[in-house]
C-alpha atoms as a PDB file:
ATOM      1  CA  MET A   1      79.063   7.657 165.225  1.00  0.00           C
ATOM      2  CA  GLU A   2      81.804   7.476 167.882  1.00  0.00           C
ATOM      3  CA  HIS A   3      81.987   5.549 171.166  1.00  0.00           C
ATOM      4  CA  ASP A   4      84.651   5.760 173.877  1.00  0.00           C
ATOM      5  CA  LEU A   5      84.009   2.223 175.130  1.00  0.00           C
ATOM      6  CA  LEU A   6      81.941  -0.759 173.997  1.00  0.00           C
ATOM      7  CA  LEU A   7      81.623  -3.998 176.037  1.00  0.00           C
ATOM      8  CA  ASP A   8      79.913  -7.339 175.599  1.00  0.00           C
ATOM      9  CA  PRO A   9      77.427  -8.393 178.333  1.00  0.00           C
ATOM     10  CA  ALA A  10      79.985 -10.683 180.031  1.00  0.00           C
ATOM     11  CA  HIS A  11      82.723  -8.000 179.929  1.00  0.00           C
ATOM     12  CA  SER A  12      85.030 -10.368 178.056  1.00  0.00           C
ATOM     13  CA  VAL A  13      85.331  -8.164 174.947  1.00  0.00           C
ATOM     14  CA  PHE A  14      86.423  -4.507 175.126  1.00  0.00           C
ATOM     15  CA  ALA A  15      86.505  -2.051 172.225  1.00  0.00           C
ATOM     16  CA  VAL A  16      87.975   1.394 172.974  1.00  0.00           C
ATOM     17  CA  ASN A  17      87.823   4.634 170.972  1.00  0.00           C
ATOM     18  CA  CYS A  18      85.449   3.268 168.348  1.00  0.00           C
ATOM     19  CA  ARG A  19      83.809   4.767 165.320  1.00  0.00           C
ATOM     20  CA  VAL A  20      81.328   3.316 162.869  1.00  0.00           C
ATOM     21  CA  GLU A  21      82.056   3.821 159.178  1.00  0.00           C
ATOM     22  CA  GLY A  22      79.618   2.086 156.872  1.00  0.00           C
ATOM     23  CA  SER A  23      79.490  -1.574 157.885  1.00  0.00           C
ATOM     24  CA  THR A  24      82.780  -1.532 159.850  1.00  0.00           C
ATOM     25  CA  LEU A  25      83.510  -0.831 163.500  1.00  0.00           C
ATOM     26  CA  HIS A  26      86.964   0.754 163.780  1.00  0.00           C
ATOM     27  CA  CYS A  27      88.535   0.351 167.225  1.00  0.00           C
ATOM     28  CA  GLY A  28      91.544   2.209 168.550  1.00  0.00           C
ATOM     29  CA  ALA A  29      92.145  -0.725 170.899  1.00  0.00           C
ATOM     30  CA  PHE A  30      90.501  -4.152 171.068  1.00  0.00           C
ATOM     31  CA  TYR A  31      90.706  -6.838 173.786  1.00  0.00           C
ATOM     32  CA  LEU A  32      89.259 -10.331 173.642  1.00  0.00           C
ATOM     33  CA  GLU A  33      89.354 -12.833 176.516  1.00  0.00           C
ATOM     34  CA  PRO A  34      90.680 -16.323 175.729  1.00  0.00           C
ATOM     35  CA  LEU A  35      88.389 -19.166 174.615  1.00  0.00           C
ATOM     36  CA  ILE A  36      85.660 -17.000 173.055  1.00  0.00           C
ATOM     37  CA  GLN A  37      83.481 -19.367 171.011  1.00  0.00           C
ATOM     38  CA  SER A  38      80.784 -17.142 169.557  1.00  0.00           C
ATOM     39  CA  GLN A  39      81.528 -15.474 166.234  1.00  0.00           C
ATOM     40  CA  CYS A  40      78.773 -12.873 166.742  1.00  0.00           C
ATOM     41  CA  ILE A  41      79.366 -10.521 169.658  1.00  0.00           C
ATOM     42  CA  ARG A  42      76.978  -7.796 170.809  1.00  0.00           C
ATOM     43  CA  LEU A  43      78.836  -4.756 172.088  1.00  0.00           C
ATOM     44  CA  ALA A  44      77.043  -2.018 173.983  1.00  0.00           C
ATOM     45  CA  TYR A  45      77.453   0.953 176.250  1.00  0.00           C
ATOM     46  CA  SER A  46      74.734   3.314 177.341  1.00  0.00           C
ATOM     47  CA  ASP A  47      72.270   3.454 174.423  1.00  0.00           C
ATOM     48  CA  ALA A  48      74.736   2.227 171.755  1.00  0.00           C
ATOM     49  CA  LYS A  49      74.348  -1.392 170.614  1.00  0.00           C
ATOM     50  CA  ILE A  50      76.453  -2.908 167.830  1.00  0.00           C
ATOM     51  CA  GLU A  51      76.779  -6.560 166.834  1.00  0.00           C
ATOM     52  CA  ILE A  52      80.106  -7.518 165.280  1.00  0.00           C
ATOM     53  CA  GLU A  53      81.436 -10.664 163.624  1.00  0.00           C
ATOM     54  CA  LEU A  54      84.763 -11.981 164.831  1.00  0.00           C
ATOM     55  CA  PRO A  55      87.096 -13.515 162.268  1.00  0.00           C
ATOM     56  CA  PRO A  56      87.355 -17.324 162.688  1.00  0.00           C
ATOM     57  CA  GLU A  57      91.045 -17.084 163.633  1.00  0.00           C
ATOM     58  CA  LEU A  58      90.123 -15.199 166.834  1.00  0.00           C
ATOM     59  CA  LEU A  59      87.800 -17.913 168.142  1.00  0.00           C
ATOM     60  CA  ASN A  60      88.902 -20.386 170.853  1.00  0.00           C
ATOM     61  CA  GLN A  61      92.304 -18.740 171.288  1.00  0.00           C
ATOM     62  CA  PRO A  62      94.190 -20.024 174.381  1.00  0.00           C
ATOM     63  CA  HIS A  63      95.512 -16.533 175.229  1.00  0.00           C
ATOM     64  CA  PRO A  64      93.929 -13.076 175.406  1.00  0.00           C
ATOM     65  CA  TYR A  65      93.938 -11.148 172.141  1.00  0.00           C
ATOM     66  CA  ARG A  66      95.048  -7.507 172.152  1.00  0.00           C
ATOM     67  CA  ALA A  67      95.243  -5.294 169.078  1.00  0.00           C
ATOM     68  CA  TRP A  68      95.339  -1.652 168.062  1.00  0.00           C
ATOM     69  CA  GLU A  69      93.631   0.006 165.103  1.00  0.00           C
ATOM     70  CA  VAL A  70      91.289  -2.890 164.332  1.00  0.00           C
ATOM     71  CA  GLY A  71      88.401  -2.917 161.850  1.00  0.00           C
ATOM     72  CA  LEU A  72      85.630  -5.458 162.471  1.00  0.00           C
ATOM     73  CA  PRO A  73      82.571  -6.106 160.305  1.00  0.00           C
ATOM     74  CA  ILE A  74      79.225  -5.059 161.747  1.00  0.00           C
ATOM     75  CA  ARG A  75      76.626  -7.778 161.486  1.00  0.00           C
ATOM     76  CA  ASP A  76      73.396  -6.926 159.686  1.00  0.00           C
ATOM     77  CA  GLU A  77      70.468  -7.470 162.017  1.00  0.00           C
END
């Protein structure tokens, strides 16, 4: 399954050029606003809805986080 763009409801997390492989969301580009406190983030666009788990080191960061070619675990619902 591939998605051009996935966003959280507050538009503070962006995942671009994504594909789901097993229990991992692979993102071509990933952006996270500073001071995100929730480890579980629901990303969606159109009819796609995926809940991911952020690594603890990305929480409460004072600066925006930008990365390329990121793999994030998909949370079992």
